[in-house]
């Protein structure tokens, strides 16, 4: 099944689901009540789900200008021109056909056919219509909420032990009162010193004798 055939099936389903409910008697101004269960586009406006009346704006002077009014006739939603359209299958009640629209875009009404008629009214959309792109809603700015940091748990102060230092004061004694130093007793004998002196003299004498021999 091609994409075009799928679109036709979808359009037919929309027609079936959104079939208009209207009075059987046809009026001079072509008044018809159409009920839609979803948003639809018509020239100049998008209609929300609900019941609306379609009629000729001025049937005495023009038979190609349609007007869409609220169900109670208090609000005029749109007034637009139409061009002749035709169909091969005639229905007993008025029906609408839809244009092909992409996913996410409200269905756009193409033509309106009254019951028992081959000819219908094709809606003339203004330049750039109907809408064929889905509405892009800007993303709201991202906001940040600052969360205060949790307070740090209270820490009990550590008690330092008190240390007492005791210094014993020194007693000052004047030099005159200081006890006299004891003299170390002499225990060494002077004999070793005398032996060393004699040995030194003997060595000096031998050295002098050797020197005299060499020079003689």
Foldseek 3Di string as FASTA:
>chain_A
DDPVVVLQVVQVVQQVQFPADFDLDADLFRKGKGFHQAWEDAAPDIDGGGIWIKGHPDSVPDDFKIWIAHPVRPGTDDIFGWDKDFDDDAAQAKTWTFDRADPQDHTYTAWIDGHPDGMTTGGDHPPPDDDRDHDDDDDDDDDDDDDDDDDDDDDDDDDDDDDDDDDDDDDDDDPVPDDDDDDDDDDDDCVVVVVVVVVVVVVVVVVVVVVVVVVD
